[in-house]
Amino acid sequence: ELWRYLGSLDLIERVTFNMASVQDPLPWALADRRCRELKSGED
């Protein structure tokens, strides 16, 4: 639901988040999973 909200913000084209889980459910909940791009991992 937080991602649904972030995706509805006017004028915004990209959202960055640097603390996602390694088992992030978001790509599996997207109509187009390619919207989510994995950039890096961190301990």
PDB file of all heavy atoms in Angstrom:
ATOM      1  N   GLU A   1       0.833  -1.210   0.000  1.00  0.00           N
ATOM      2  CA  GLU A   1       0.000   0.000   0.000  1.00  0.00           C
ATOM      3  C   GLU A   1       0.866   1.258   0.000  1.00  0.00           C
ATOM      4  O   GLU A   1       0.498   2.266  -0.627  1.00  0.00           O
ATOM      5  CB  GLU A   1      -0.939   0.005   1.204  1.00  0.00           C
ATOM      6  CG  GLU A   1      -2.059  -1.012   1.128  1.00  0.00           C
ATOM      7  CD  GLU A   1      -2.883  -0.867  -0.138  1.00  0.00           C
ATOM      8  OE1 GLU A   1      -3.394   0.237  -0.406  1.00  0.00           O
ATOM      9  OE2 GLU A   1      -2.989  -1.857  -0.890  1.00  0.00           O
ATOM     10  N   LEU A   2       2.005   1.213   0.675  1.00  0.00           N
ATOM     11  CA  LEU A   2       2.909   2.364   0.630  1.00  0.00           C
ATOM     12  C   LEU A   2       3.429   2.586  -0.784  1.00  0.00           C
ATOM     13  O   LEU A   2       3.531   3.737  -1.243  1.00  0.00           O
ATOM     14  CB  LEU A   2       4.082   2.145   1.595  1.00  0.00           C
ATOM     15  CG  LEU A   2       3.744   2.059   3.083  1.00  0.00           C
ATOM     16  CD1 LEU A   2       5.015   1.864   3.903  1.00  0.00           C
ATOM     17  CD2 LEU A   2       2.987   3.289   3.563  1.00  0.00           C
ATOM     18  N   TRP A   3       3.732   1.518  -1.495  1.00  0.00           N
ATOM     19  CA  TRP A   3       4.197   1.658  -2.873  1.00  0.00           C
ATOM     20  C   TRP A   3       3.070   2.111  -3.799  1.00  0.00           C
ATOM     21  O   TRP A   3       3.308   2.873  -4.753  1.00  0.00           O
ATOM     22  CB  TRP A   3       4.812   0.353  -3.368  1.00  0.00           C
ATOM     23  CG  TRP A   3       6.226   0.219  -2.917  1.00  0.00           C
ATOM     24  CD1 TRP A   3       6.712  -0.578  -1.935  1.00  0.00           C
ATOM     25  CD2 TRP A   3       7.345   0.974  -3.412  1.00  0.00           C
ATOM     26  NE1 TRP A   3       8.063  -0.382  -1.782  1.00  0.00           N
ATOM     27  CE2 TRP A   3       8.483   0.562  -2.678  1.00  0.00           C
ATOM     28  CE3 TRP A   3       7.498   1.948  -4.402  1.00  0.00           C
ATOM     29  CZ2 TRP A   3       9.754   1.080  -2.905  1.00  0.00           C
ATOM     30  CZ3 TRP A   3       8.769   2.473  -4.617  1.00  0.00           C
ATOM     31  CH2 TRP A   3       9.876   2.050  -3.879  1.00  0.00           C
ATOM     32  N   ARG A   4       1.856   1.688  -3.509  1.00  0.00           N
ATOM     33  CA  ARG A   4       0.728   2.185  -4.310  1.00  0.00           C
ATOM     34  C   ARG A   4       0.612   3.708  -4.150  1.00  0.00           C
ATOM     35  O   ARG A   4       0.363   4.432  -5.117  1.00  0.00           O
ATOM     36  CB  ARG A   4      -0.568   1.502  -3.865  1.00  0.00           C
ATOM     37  CG  ARG A   4      -1.727   1.634  -4.873  1.00  0.00           C
ATOM     38  CD  ARG A   4      -3.046   1.159  -4.285  1.00  0.00           C
ATOM     39  NE  ARG A   4      -2.965  -0.143  -3.648  1.00  0.00           N
ATOM     40  CZ  ARG A   4      -3.092  -1.304  -4.283  1.00  0.00           C
ATOM     41  NH1 ARG A   4      -3.299  -1.319  -5.593  1.00  0.00           N
ATOM     42  NH2 ARG A   4      -3.043  -2.441  -3.615  1.00  0.00           N
ATOM     43  N   TYR A   5       0.814   4.171  -2.924  1.00  0.00           N
ATOM     44  CA  TYR A   5       0.780   5.613  -2.662  1.00  0.00           C
ATOM     45  C   TYR A   5       1.926   6.331  -3.359  1.00  0.00           C
ATOM     46  O   TYR A   5       1.724   7.349  -4.038  1.00  0.00           O
ATOM     47  CB  TYR A   5       0.836   5.864  -1.154  1.00  0.00           C
ATOM     48  CG  TYR A   5       1.083   7.301  -0.783  1.00  0.00           C
ATOM     49  CD1 TYR A   5       0.051   8.230  -0.827  1.00  0.00           C
ATOM     50  CD2 TYR A   5       2.348   7.739  -0.405  1.00  0.00           C
ATOM     51  CE1 TYR A   5       0.274   9.562  -0.499  1.00  0.00           C
ATOM     52  CE2 TYR A   5       2.587   9.060  -0.072  1.00  0.00           C
ATOM     53  CZ  TYR A   5       1.551   9.968  -0.126  1.00  0.00           C
ATOM     54  OH  TYR A   5       1.777  11.289   0.193  1.00  0.00           O
ATOM     55  N   LEU A   6       3.144   5.826  -3.213  1.00  0.00           N
ATOM     56  CA  LEU A   6       4.300   6.469  -3.840  1.00  0.00           C
ATOM     57  C   LEU A   6       4.144   6.536  -5.355  1.00  0.00           C
ATOM     58  O   LEU A   6       4.545   7.514  -5.993  1.00  0.00           O
ATOM     59  CB  LEU A   6       5.580   5.718  -3.476  1.00  0.00           C
ATOM     60  CG  LEU A   6       6.025   5.814  -2.007  1.00  0.00           C
ATOM     61  CD1 LEU A   6       7.116   4.791  -1.718  1.00  0.00           C
ATOM     62  CD2 LEU A   6       6.506   7.219  -1.683  1.00  0.00           C
ATOM     63  N   GLY A   7       3.545   5.508  -5.927  1.00  0.00           N
ATOM     64  CA  GLY A   7       3.336   5.496  -7.369  1.00  0.00           C
ATOM     65  C   GLY A   7       2.265   6.455  -7.843  1.00  0.00           C
ATOM     66  O   GLY A   7       2.146   6.698  -9.056  1.00  0.00           O
ATOM     67  N   SER A   8       1.491   7.002  -6.908  1.00  0.00           N
ATOM     68  CA  SER A   8       0.410   7.924  -7.289  1.00  0.00           C
ATOM     69  C   SER A   8       0.799   9.393  -7.147  1.00  0.00           C
ATOM     70  O   SER A   8      -0.007  10.282  -7.479  1.00  0.00           O
ATOM     71  CB  SER A   8      -0.819   7.649  -6.408  1.00  0.00           C
ATOM     72  OG  SER A   8      -0.597   8.088  -5.073  1.00  0.00           O
ATOM     73  N   LEU A   9       2.018   9.682  -6.691  1.00  0.00           N
ATOM     74  CA  LEU A   9       2.425  11.073  -6.485  1.00  0.00           C
ATOM     75  C   LEU A   9       2.548  11.798  -7.825  1.00  0.00           C
ATOM     76  O   LEU A   9       3.218  11.331  -8.749  1.00  0.00           O
ATOM     77  CB  LEU A   9       3.766  11.119  -5.748  1.00  0.00           C
ATOM     78  CG  LEU A   9       3.768  10.553  -4.320  1.00  0.00           C
ATOM     79  CD1 LEU A   9       5.188  10.510  -3.766  1.00  0.00           C
ATOM     80  CD2 LEU A   9       2.861  11.369  -3.408  1.00  0.00           C
ATOM     81  N   ASP A  10       1.916  12.954  -7.933  1.00  0.00           N
ATOM     82  CA  ASP A  10       1.936  13.721  -9.179  1.00  0.00           C
ATOM     83  C   ASP A  10       3.349  14.178  -9.525  1.00  0.00           C
ATOM     84  O   ASP A  10       4.162  14.486  -8.642  1.00  0.00           O
ATOM     85  CB  ASP A  10       1.044  14.959  -9.049  1.00  0.00           C
ATOM     86  CG  ASP A  10      -0.436  14.614  -9.116  1.00  0.00           C
ATOM     87  OD1 ASP A  10      -0.754  13.511  -9.605  1.00  0.00           O
ATOM     88  OD2 ASP A  10      -1.248  15.441  -8.675  1.00  0.00           O
ATOM     89  N   LEU A  11       3.632  14.209 -10.805  1.00  0.00           N
ATOM     90  CA  LEU A  11       4.856  14.760 -11.392  1.00  0.00           C
ATOM     91  C   LEU A  11       6.095  13.903 -11.165  1.00  0.00           C
ATOM     92  O   LEU A  11       7.154  14.194 -11.729  1.00  0.00           O
ATOM     93  CB  LEU A  11       5.129  16.184 -10.860  1.00  0.00           C
ATOM     94  CG  LEU A  11       3.971  17.180 -10.981  1.00  0.00           C
ATOM     95  CD1 LEU A  11       4.361  18.508 -10.337  1.00  0.00           C
ATOM     96  CD2 LEU A  11       3.573  17.375 -12.432  1.00  0.00           C
ATOM     97  N   ILE A  12       5.989  12.866 -10.369  1.00  0.00           N
ATOM     98  CA  ILE A  12       7.140  12.033 -10.038  1.00  0.00           C
ATOM     99  C   ILE A  12       7.284  10.906 -11.062  1.00  0.00           C
ATOM    100  O   ILE A  12       6.310  10.262 -11.443  1.00  0.00           O
ATOM    101  CB  ILE A  12       7.011  11.447  -8.620  1.00  0.00           C
ATOM    102  CG1 ILE A  12       6.949  12.587  -7.596  1.00  0.00           C
ATOM    103  CG2 ILE A  12       8.169  10.510  -8.315  1.00  0.00           C
ATOM    104  CD1 ILE A  12       8.134  13.522  -7.639  1.00  0.00           C
ATOM    105  N   GLU A  13       8.522  10.685 -11.498  1.00  0.00           N
ATOM    106  CA  GLU A  13       8.800   9.646 -12.487  1.00  0.00           C
ATOM    107  C   GLU A  13       9.563   8.456 -11.910  1.00  0.00           C
ATOM    108  O   GLU A  13       9.500   7.346 -12.449  1.00  0.00           O
ATOM    109  CB  GLU A  13       9.616  10.241 -13.638  1.00  0.00           C
ATOM    110  CG  GLU A  13       8.879  11.357 -14.369  1.00  0.00           C
ATOM    111  CD  GLU A  13       9.772  12.098 -15.342  1.00  0.00           C
ATOM    112  OE1 GLU A  13      10.864  12.550 -14.929  1.00  0.00           O
ATOM    113  OE2 GLU A  13       9.382  12.209 -16.514  1.00  0.00           O
ATOM    114  N   ARG A  14      10.269   8.680 -10.822  1.00  0.00           N
ATOM    115  CA  ARG A  14      11.068   7.620 -10.241  1.00  0.00           C
ATOM    116  C   ARG A  14      11.087   7.753  -8.725  1.00  0.00           C
ATOM    117  O   ARG A  14      11.102   8.863  -8.187  1.00  0.00           O
ATOM    118  CB  ARG A  14      12.512   7.676 -10.775  1.00  0.00           C
ATOM    119  CG  ARG A  14      13.428   6.588 -10.224  1.00  0.00           C
ATOM    120  CD  ARG A  14      14.795   6.642 -10.891  1.00  0.00           C
ATOM    121  NE  ARG A  14      15.482   7.898 -10.611  1.00  0.00           N
ATOM    122  CZ  ARG A  14      16.651   8.240 -11.152  1.00  0.00           C
ATOM    123  NH1 ARG A  14      17.243   7.430 -12.019  1.00  0.00           N
ATOM    124  NH2 ARG A  14      17.217   9.394 -10.842  1.00  0.00           N
ATOM    125  N   VAL A  15      11.066   6.606  -8.034  1.00  0.00           N
ATOM    126  CA  VAL A  15      11.182   6.561  -6.574  1.00  0.00           C
ATOM    127  C   VAL A  15      12.383   5.681  -6.233  1.00  0.00           C
ATOM    128  O   VAL A  15      12.532   4.580  -6.784  1.00  0.00           O
ATOM    129  CB  VAL A  15       9.913   5.991  -5.926  1.00  0.00           C
ATOM    130  CG1 VAL A  15      10.103   5.862  -4.408  1.00  0.00           C
ATOM    131  CG2 VAL A  15       8.697   6.866  -6.231  1.00  0.00           C
ATOM    132  N   THR A  16      13.247   6.169  -5.362  1.00  0.00           N
ATOM    133  CA  THR A  16      14.410   5.390  -4.936  1.00  0.00           C
ATOM    134  C   THR A  16      14.256   4.990  -3.477  1.00  0.00           C
ATOM    135  O   THR A  16      13.754   5.757  -2.651  1.00  0.00           O
ATOM    136  CB  THR A  16      15.716   6.177  -5.109  1.00  0.00           C
ATOM    137  OG1 THR A  16      15.685   7.350  -4.261  1.00  0.00           O
ATOM    138  CG2 THR A  16      15.899   6.603  -6.557  1.00  0.00           C
ATOM    139  N   PHE A  17      14.701   3.773  -3.164  1.00  0.00           N
ATOM    140  CA  PHE A  17      14.620   3.239  -1.807  1.00  0.00           C
ATOM    141  C   PHE A  17      15.837   2.354  -1.593  1.00  0.00           C
ATOM    142  O   PHE A  17      16.054   1.398  -2.339  1.00  0.00           O
ATOM    143  CB  PHE A  17      13.325   2.437  -1.639  1.00  0.00           C
ATOM    144  CG  PHE A  17      13.143   1.796  -0.291  1.00  0.00           C
ATOM    145  CD1 PHE A  17      13.477   2.463   0.884  1.00  0.00           C
ATOM    146  CD2 PHE A  17      12.604   0.514  -0.185  1.00  0.00           C
ATOM    147  CE1 PHE A  17      13.298   1.869   2.124  1.00  0.00           C
ATOM    148  CE2 PHE A  17      12.416  -0.091   1.053  1.00  0.00           C
ATOM    149  CZ  PHE A  17      12.762   0.587   2.203  1.00  0.00           C
ATOM    150  N   ASN A  18      16.647   2.664  -0.582  1.00  0.00           N
ATOM    151  CA  ASN A  18      17.913   1.944  -0.412  1.00  0.00           C
ATOM    152  C   ASN A  18      17.918   0.952   0.737  1.00  0.00           C
ATOM    153  O   ASN A  18      18.981   0.475   1.150  1.00  0.00           O
ATOM    154  CB  ASN A  18      19.078   2.933  -0.238  1.00  0.00           C
ATOM    155  CG  ASN A  18      18.952   3.766   1.026  1.00  0.00           C
ATOM    156  OD1 ASN A  18      18.027   3.588   1.820  1.00  0.00           O
ATOM    157  ND2 ASN A  18      19.884   4.683   1.214  1.00  0.00           N
ATOM    158  N   MET A  19      16.714   0.598   1.247  1.00  0.00           N
ATOM    159  CA  MET A  19      16.650  -0.357   2.357  1.00  0.00           C
ATOM    160  C   MET A  19      15.613  -1.447   2.101  1.00  0.00           C
ATOM    161  O   MET A  19      14.960  -1.939   3.019  1.00  0.00           O
ATOM    162  CB  MET A  19      16.318   0.371   3.663  1.00  0.00           C
ATOM    163  CG  MET A  19      17.410   1.276   4.174  1.00  0.00           C
ATOM    164  SD  MET A  19      18.853   0.371   4.805  1.00  0.00           S
ATOM    165  CE  MET A  19      18.214  -0.227   6.347  1.00  0.00           C
ATOM    166  N   ALA A  20      15.452  -1.855   0.856  1.00  0.00           N
ATOM    167  CA  ALA A  20      14.484  -2.906   0.536  1.00  0.00           C
ATOM    168  C   ALA A  20      15.008  -4.264   0.985  1.00  0.00           C
ATOM    169  O   ALA A  20      16.215  -4.514   1.011  1.00  0.00           O
ATOM    170  CB  ALA A  20      14.192  -2.928  -0.961  1.00  0.00           C
ATOM    171  N   SER A  21      14.081  -5.151   1.294  1.00  0.00           N
ATOM    172  CA  SER A  21      14.450  -6.502   1.696  1.00  0.00           C
ATOM    173  C   SER A  21      15.018  -7.278   0.516  1.00  0.00           C
ATOM    174  O   SER A  21      14.647  -7.042  -0.640  1.00  0.00           O
ATOM    175  CB  SER A  21      13.206  -7.219   2.233  1.00  0.00           C
ATOM    176  OG  SER A  21      13.443  -8.603   2.374  1.00  0.00           O
ATOM    177  N   VAL A  22      15.914  -8.233   0.811  1.00  0.00           N
ATOM    178  CA  VAL A  22      16.403  -9.109  -0.245  1.00  0.00           C
ATOM    179  C   VAL A  22      15.298 -10.036  -0.737  1.00  0.00           C
ATOM    180  O   VAL A  22      15.427 -10.661  -1.791  1.00  0.00           O
ATOM    181  CB  VAL A  22      17.619  -9.932   0.229  1.00  0.00           C
ATOM    182  CG1 VAL A  22      18.791  -9.023   0.535  1.00  0.00           C
ATOM    183  CG2 VAL A  22      17.273 -10.790   1.438  1.00  0.00           C
ATOM    184  N   GLN A  23      14.205 -10.129   0.006  1.00  0.00           N
ATOM    185  CA  GLN A  23      13.020 -10.883  -0.405  1.00  0.00           C
ATOM    186  C   GLN A  23      11.854  -9.938  -0.653  1.00  0.00           C
ATOM    187  O   GLN A  23      10.718 -10.217  -0.297  1.00  0.00           O
ATOM    188  CB  GLN A  23      12.653 -11.926   0.661  1.00  0.00           C
ATOM    189  CG  GLN A  23      13.657 -13.064   0.777  1.00  0.00           C
ATOM    190  CD  GLN A  23      13.291 -14.053   1.866  1.00  0.00           C
ATOM    191  OE1 GLN A  23      13.062 -13.684   3.007  1.00  0.00           O
ATOM    192  NE2 GLN A  23      13.237 -15.332   1.502  1.00  0.00           N
ATOM    193  N   ASP A  24      12.142  -8.844  -1.298  1.00  0.00           N
ATOM    194  CA  ASP A  24      11.148  -7.798  -1.569  1.00  0.00           C
ATOM    195  C   ASP A  24       9.975  -8.356  -2.383  1.00  0.00           C
ATOM    196  O   ASP A  24      10.164  -8.858  -3.497  1.00  0.00           O
ATOM    197  CB  ASP A  24      11.836  -6.668  -2.346  1.00  0.00           C
ATOM    198  CG  ASP A  24      10.965  -5.446  -2.517  1.00  0.00           C
ATOM    199  OD1 ASP A  24       9.827  -5.436  -2.004  1.00  0.00           O
ATOM    200  OD2 ASP A  24      11.426  -4.487  -3.177  1.00  0.00           O
ATOM    201  N   PRO A  25       8.737  -8.235  -1.878  1.00  0.00           N
ATOM    202  CA  PRO A  25       7.592  -8.721  -2.647  1.00  0.00           C
ATOM    203  C   PRO A  25       7.143  -7.779  -3.764  1.00  0.00           C
ATOM    204  O   PRO A  25       6.331  -8.173  -4.606  1.00  0.00           O
ATOM    205  CB  PRO A  25       6.487  -8.850  -1.590  1.00  0.00           C
ATOM    206  CG  PRO A  25       6.832  -7.819  -0.567  1.00  0.00           C
ATOM    207  CD  PRO A  25       8.346  -7.779  -0.522  1.00  0.00           C
ATOM    208  N   LEU A  26       7.676  -6.553  -3.799  1.00  0.00           N
ATOM    209  CA  LEU A  26       7.170  -5.564  -4.751  1.00  0.00           C
ATOM    210  C   LEU A  26       7.200  -6.029  -6.204  1.00  0.00           C
ATOM    211  O   LEU A  26       6.181  -5.901  -6.903  1.00  0.00           O
ATOM    212  CB  LEU A  26       7.934  -4.243  -4.597  1.00  0.00           C
ATOM    213  CG  LEU A  26       7.517  -3.137  -5.573  1.00  0.00           C
ATOM    214  CD1 LEU A  26       6.051  -2.753  -5.376  1.00  0.00           C
ATOM    215  CD2 LEU A  26       8.417  -1.917  -5.438  1.00  0.00           C
ATOM    216  N   PRO A  27       8.304  -6.562  -6.726  1.00  0.00           N
ATOM    217  CA  PRO A  27       8.281  -6.919  -8.155  1.00  0.00           C
ATOM    218  C   PRO A  27       7.213  -7.945  -8.498  1.00  0.00           C
ATOM    219  O   PRO A  27       6.677  -7.950  -9.609  1.00  0.00           O
ATOM    220  CB  PRO A  27       9.688  -7.460  -8.410  1.00  0.00           C
ATOM    221  CG  PRO A  27      10.228  -7.819  -7.077  1.00  0.00           C
ATOM    222  CD  PRO A  27       9.607  -6.846  -6.117  1.00  0.00           C
ATOM    223  N   TRP A  28       6.875  -8.797  -7.538  1.00  0.00           N
ATOM    224  CA  TRP A  28       5.864  -9.821  -7.787  1.00  0.00           C
ATOM    225  C   TRP A  28       4.449  -9.252  -7.737  1.00  0.00           C
ATOM    226  O   TRP A  28       3.500  -9.911  -8.173  1.00  0.00           O
ATOM    227  CB  TRP A  28       6.012 -10.951  -6.764  1.00  0.00           C
ATOM    228  CG  TRP A  28       7.369 -11.569  -6.823  1.00  0.00           C
ATOM    229  CD1 TRP A  28       8.429 -11.294  -6.018  1.00  0.00           C
ATOM    230  CD2 TRP A  28       7.828 -12.531  -7.773  1.00  0.00           C
ATOM    231  NE1 TRP A  28       9.539 -12.034  -6.392  1.00  0.00           N
ATOM    232  CE2 TRP A  28       9.182 -12.805  -7.468  1.00  0.00           C
ATOM    233  CE3 TRP A  28       7.233 -13.196  -8.854  1.00  0.00           C
ATOM    234  CZ2 TRP A  28       9.948 -13.706  -8.188  1.00  0.00           C
ATOM    235  CZ3 TRP A  28       7.987 -14.095  -9.570  1.00  0.00           C
ATOM    236  CH2 TRP A  28       9.326 -14.351  -9.243  1.00  0.00           C
ATOM    237  N   ALA A  29       4.313  -8.039  -7.217  1.00  0.00           N
ATOM    238  CA  ALA A  29       2.994  -7.405  -7.127  1.00  0.00           C
ATOM    239  C   ALA A  29       2.770  -6.361  -8.215  1.00  0.00           C
ATOM    240  O   ALA A  29       1.718  -5.724  -8.256  1.00  0.00           O
ATOM    241  CB  ALA A  29       2.827  -6.752  -5.755  1.00  0.00           C
ATOM    242  N   LEU A  30       3.753  -6.162  -9.108  1.00  0.00           N
ATOM    243  CA  LEU A  30       3.642  -5.154 -10.151  1.00  0.00           C
ATOM    244  C   LEU A  30       3.090  -5.746 -11.449  1.00  0.00           C
ATOM    245  O   LEU A  30       3.414  -6.892 -11.806  1.00  0.00           O
ATOM    246  CB  LEU A  30       5.005  -4.526 -10.431  1.00  0.00           C
ATOM    247  CG  LEU A  30       5.626  -3.699  -9.299  1.00  0.00           C
ATOM    248  CD1 LEU A  30       7.008  -3.221  -9.699  1.00  0.00           C
ATOM    249  CD2 LEU A  30       4.735  -2.538  -8.910  1.00  0.00           C
ATOM    250  N   ALA A  31       2.287  -4.964 -12.130  1.00  0.00           N
ATOM    251  CA  ALA A  31       1.796  -5.395 -13.444  1.00  0.00           C
ATOM    252  C   ALA A  31       2.971  -5.565 -14.407  1.00  0.00           C
ATOM    253  O   ALA A  31       2.951  -6.445 -15.273  1.00  0.00           O
ATOM    254  CB  ALA A  31       0.799  -4.369 -13.979  1.00  0.00           C
ATOM    255  N   ASP A  32       3.993  -4.722 -14.255  1.00  0.00           N
ATOM    256  CA  ASP A  32       5.213  -4.832 -15.048  1.00  0.00           C
ATOM    257  C   ASP A  32       6.385  -4.805 -14.080  1.00  0.00           C
ATOM    258  O   ASP A  32       6.796  -3.745 -13.608  1.00  0.00           O
ATOM    259  CB  ASP A  32       5.299  -3.672 -16.043  1.00  0.00           C
ATOM    260  CG  ASP A  32       6.535  -3.749 -16.940  1.00  0.00           C
ATOM    261  OD1 ASP A  32       7.394  -4.615 -16.691  1.00  0.00           O
ATOM    262  OD2 ASP A  32       6.642  -2.925 -17.867  1.00  0.00           O
ATOM    263  N   ARG A  33       6.929  -5.981 -13.769  1.00  0.00           N
ATOM    264  CA  ARG A  33       7.989  -6.061 -12.770  1.00  0.00           C
ATOM    265  C   ARG A  33       9.249  -5.334 -13.202  1.00  0.00           C
ATOM    266  O   ARG A  33      10.128  -5.039 -12.371  1.00  0.00           O
ATOM    267  CB  ARG A  33       8.303  -7.513 -12.427  1.00  0.00           C
ATOM    268  CG  ARG A  33       8.826  -8.349 -13.567  1.00  0.00           C
ATOM    269  CD  ARG A  33       9.200  -9.760 -13.107  1.00  0.00           C
ATOM    270  NE  ARG A  33      10.320  -9.761 -12.192  1.00  0.00           N
ATOM    271  CZ  ARG A  33      10.299 -10.308 -10.981  1.00  0.00           C
ATOM    272  NH1 ARG A  33       9.201 -10.882 -10.527  1.00  0.00           N
ATOM    273  NH2 ARG A  33      11.376 -10.277 -10.219  1.00  0.00           N
ATOM    274  N   ARG A  34       9.380  -5.012 -14.489  1.00  0.00           N
ATOM    275  CA  ARG A  34      10.556  -4.293 -14.947  1.00  0.00           C
ATOM    276  C   ARG A  34      10.558  -2.826 -14.507  1.00  0.00           C
ATOM    277  O   ARG A  34      11.541  -2.122 -14.707  1.00  0.00           O
ATOM    278  CB  ARG A  34      10.670  -4.381 -16.461  1.00  0.00           C
ATOM    279  CG  ARG A  34      10.921  -5.811 -16.953  1.00  0.00           C
ATOM    280  CD  ARG A  34      11.070  -5.874 -18.446  1.00  0.00           C
ATOM    281  NE  ARG A  34      11.259  -7.253 -18.913  1.00  0.00           N
ATOM    282  CZ  ARG A  34      11.419  -7.605 -20.173  1.00  0.00           C
ATOM    283  NH1 ARG A  34      11.406  -6.655 -21.121  1.00  0.00           N
ATOM    284  NH2 ARG A  34      11.573  -8.862 -20.507  1.00  0.00           N
ATOM    285  N   CYS A  35       9.458  -2.401 -13.901  1.00  0.00           N
ATOM    286  CA  CYS A  35       9.444  -1.048 -13.324  1.00  0.00           C
ATOM    287  C   CYS A  35      10.444  -0.936 -12.178  1.00  0.00           C
ATOM    288  O   CYS A  35      10.946   0.154 -11.896  1.00  0.00           O
ATOM    289  CB  CYS A  35       8.052  -0.709 -12.791  1.00  0.00           C
ATOM    290  SG  CYS A  35       6.804  -0.425 -14.056  1.00  0.00           S
ATOM    291  N   ARG A  36      10.708  -2.041 -11.511  1.00  0.00           N
ATOM    292  CA  ARG A  36      11.612  -2.043 -10.361  1.00  0.00           C
ATOM    293  C   ARG A  36      12.983  -2.518 -10.816  1.00  0.00           C
ATOM    294  O   ARG A  36      13.142  -3.617 -11.323  1.00  0.00           O
ATOM    295  CB  ARG A  36      11.083  -2.972  -9.266  1.00  0.00           C
ATOM    296  CG  ARG A  36      12.005  -3.110  -8.054  1.00  0.00           C
ATOM    297  CD  ARG A  36      11.487  -4.237  -7.171  1.00  0.00           C
ATOM    298  NE  ARG A  36      12.309  -4.493  -6.010  1.00  0.00           N
ATOM    299  CZ  ARG A  36      13.382  -5.276  -5.988  1.00  0.00           C
ATOM    300  NH1 ARG A  36      13.792  -5.872  -7.110  1.00  0.00           N
ATOM    301  NH2 ARG A  36      14.048  -5.476  -4.869  1.00  0.00           N
ATOM    302  N   GLU A  37      13.984  -1.660 -10.603  1.00  0.00           N
ATOM    303  CA  GLU A  37      15.349  -1.994 -10.996  1.00  0.00           C
ATOM    304  C   GLU A  37      16.217  -2.125  -9.760  1.00  0.00           C
ATOM    305  O   GLU A  37      16.271  -1.222  -8.917  1.00  0.00           O
ATOM    306  CB  GLU A  37      15.920  -0.914 -11.909  1.00  0.00           C
ATOM    307  CG  GLU A  37      17.310  -1.226 -12.431  1.00  0.00           C
ATOM    308  CD  GLU A  37      17.840  -0.144 -13.359  1.00  0.00           C
ATOM    309  OE1 GLU A  37      17.083   0.799 -13.675  1.00  0.00           O
ATOM    310  OE2 GLU A  37      19.020  -0.247 -13.746  1.00  0.00           O
ATOM    311  N   LEU A  38      16.884  -3.262  -9.644  1.00  0.00           N
ATOM    312  CA  LEU A  38      17.798  -3.504  -8.535  1.00  0.00           C
ATOM    313  C   LEU A  38      19.126  -2.822  -8.829  1.00  0.00           C
ATOM    314  O   LEU A  38      19.760  -3.089  -9.844  1.00  0.00           O
ATOM    315  CB  LEU A  38      17.998  -5.005  -8.352  1.00  0.00           C
ATOM    316  CG  LEU A  38      18.949  -5.455  -7.244  1.00  0.00           C
ATOM    317  CD1 LEU A  38      18.416  -5.046  -5.879  1.00  0.00           C
ATOM    318  CD2 LEU A  38      19.146  -6.964  -7.307  1.00  0.00           C
ATOM    319  N   LYS A  39      19.562  -1.934  -7.930  1.00  0.00           N
ATOM    320  CA  LYS A  39      20.770  -1.157  -8.185  1.00  0.00           C
ATOM    321  C   LYS A  39      21.989  -1.707  -7.447  1.00  0.00           C
ATOM    322  O   LYS A  39      23.086  -1.734  -7.993  1.00  0.00           O
ATOM    323  CB  LYS A  39      20.556   0.308  -7.776  1.00  0.00           C
ATOM    324  CG  LYS A  39      19.368   0.977  -8.450  1.00  0.00           C
ATOM    325  CD  LYS A  39      19.487   0.964  -9.957  1.00  0.00           C
ATOM    326  CE  LYS A  39      20.580   1.852 -10.476  1.00  0.00           C
ATOM    327  NZ  LYS A  39      20.608   1.927 -11.947  1.00  0.00           N
ATOM    328  N   SER A  40      21.815  -2.126  -6.202  1.00  0.00           N
ATOM    329  CA  SER A  40      22.975  -2.596  -5.431  1.00  0.00           C
ATOM    330  C   SER A  40      22.498  -3.319  -4.182  1.00  0.00           C
ATOM    331  O   SER A  40      21.320  -3.268  -3.822  1.00  0.00           O
ATOM    332  CB  SER A  40      23.885  -1.420  -5.031  1.00  0.00           C
ATOM    333  OG  SER A  40      23.209  -0.539  -4.159  1.00  0.00           O
ATOM    334  N   GLY A  41      23.429  -3.995  -3.526  1.00  0.00           N
ATOM    335  CA  GLY A  41      23.161  -4.632  -2.252  1.00  0.00           C
ATOM    336  C   GLY A  41      24.085  -4.073  -1.189  1.00  0.00           C
ATOM    337  O   GLY A  41      25.169  -3.558  -1.494  1.00  0.00           O
ATOM    338  N   GLU A  42      23.662  -4.159   0.063  1.00  0.00           N
ATOM    339  CA  GLU A  42      24.455  -3.588   1.152  1.00  0.00           C
ATOM    340  C   GLU A  42      24.307  -4.450   2.395  1.00  0.00           C
ATOM    341  O   GLU A  42      23.207  -4.923   2.711  1.00  0.00           O
ATOM    342  CB  GLU A  42      23.990  -2.165   1.456  1.00  0.00           C
ATOM    343  CG  GLU A  42      24.751  -1.489   2.590  1.00  0.00           C
ATOM    344  CD  GLU A  42      24.191  -0.134   2.957  1.00  0.00           C
ATOM    345  OE1 GLU A  42      23.133   0.230   2.435  1.00  0.00           O
ATOM    346  OE2 GLU A  42      24.814   0.542   3.794  1.00  0.00           O
ATOM    347  N   ASP A  43      25.416  -4.658   3.097  1.00  0.00           N
ATOM    348  CA  ASP A  43      25.315  -5.280   4.412  1.00  0.00           C
ATOM    349  C   ASP A  43      24.842  -4.228   5.412  1.00  0.00           C
ATOM    350  O   ASP A  43      25.160  -3.048   5.290  1.00  0.00           O
ATOM    351  CB  ASP A  43      26.667  -5.849   4.843  1.00  0.00           C
ATOM    352  CG  ASP A  43      27.782  -4.805   4.829  1.00  0.00           C
ATOM    353  OD1 ASP A  43      27.858  -4.003   5.779  1.00  0.00           O
ATOM    354  OD2 ASP A  43      28.566  -4.782   3.853  1.00  0.00           O
TER     355      ASP A  43
END
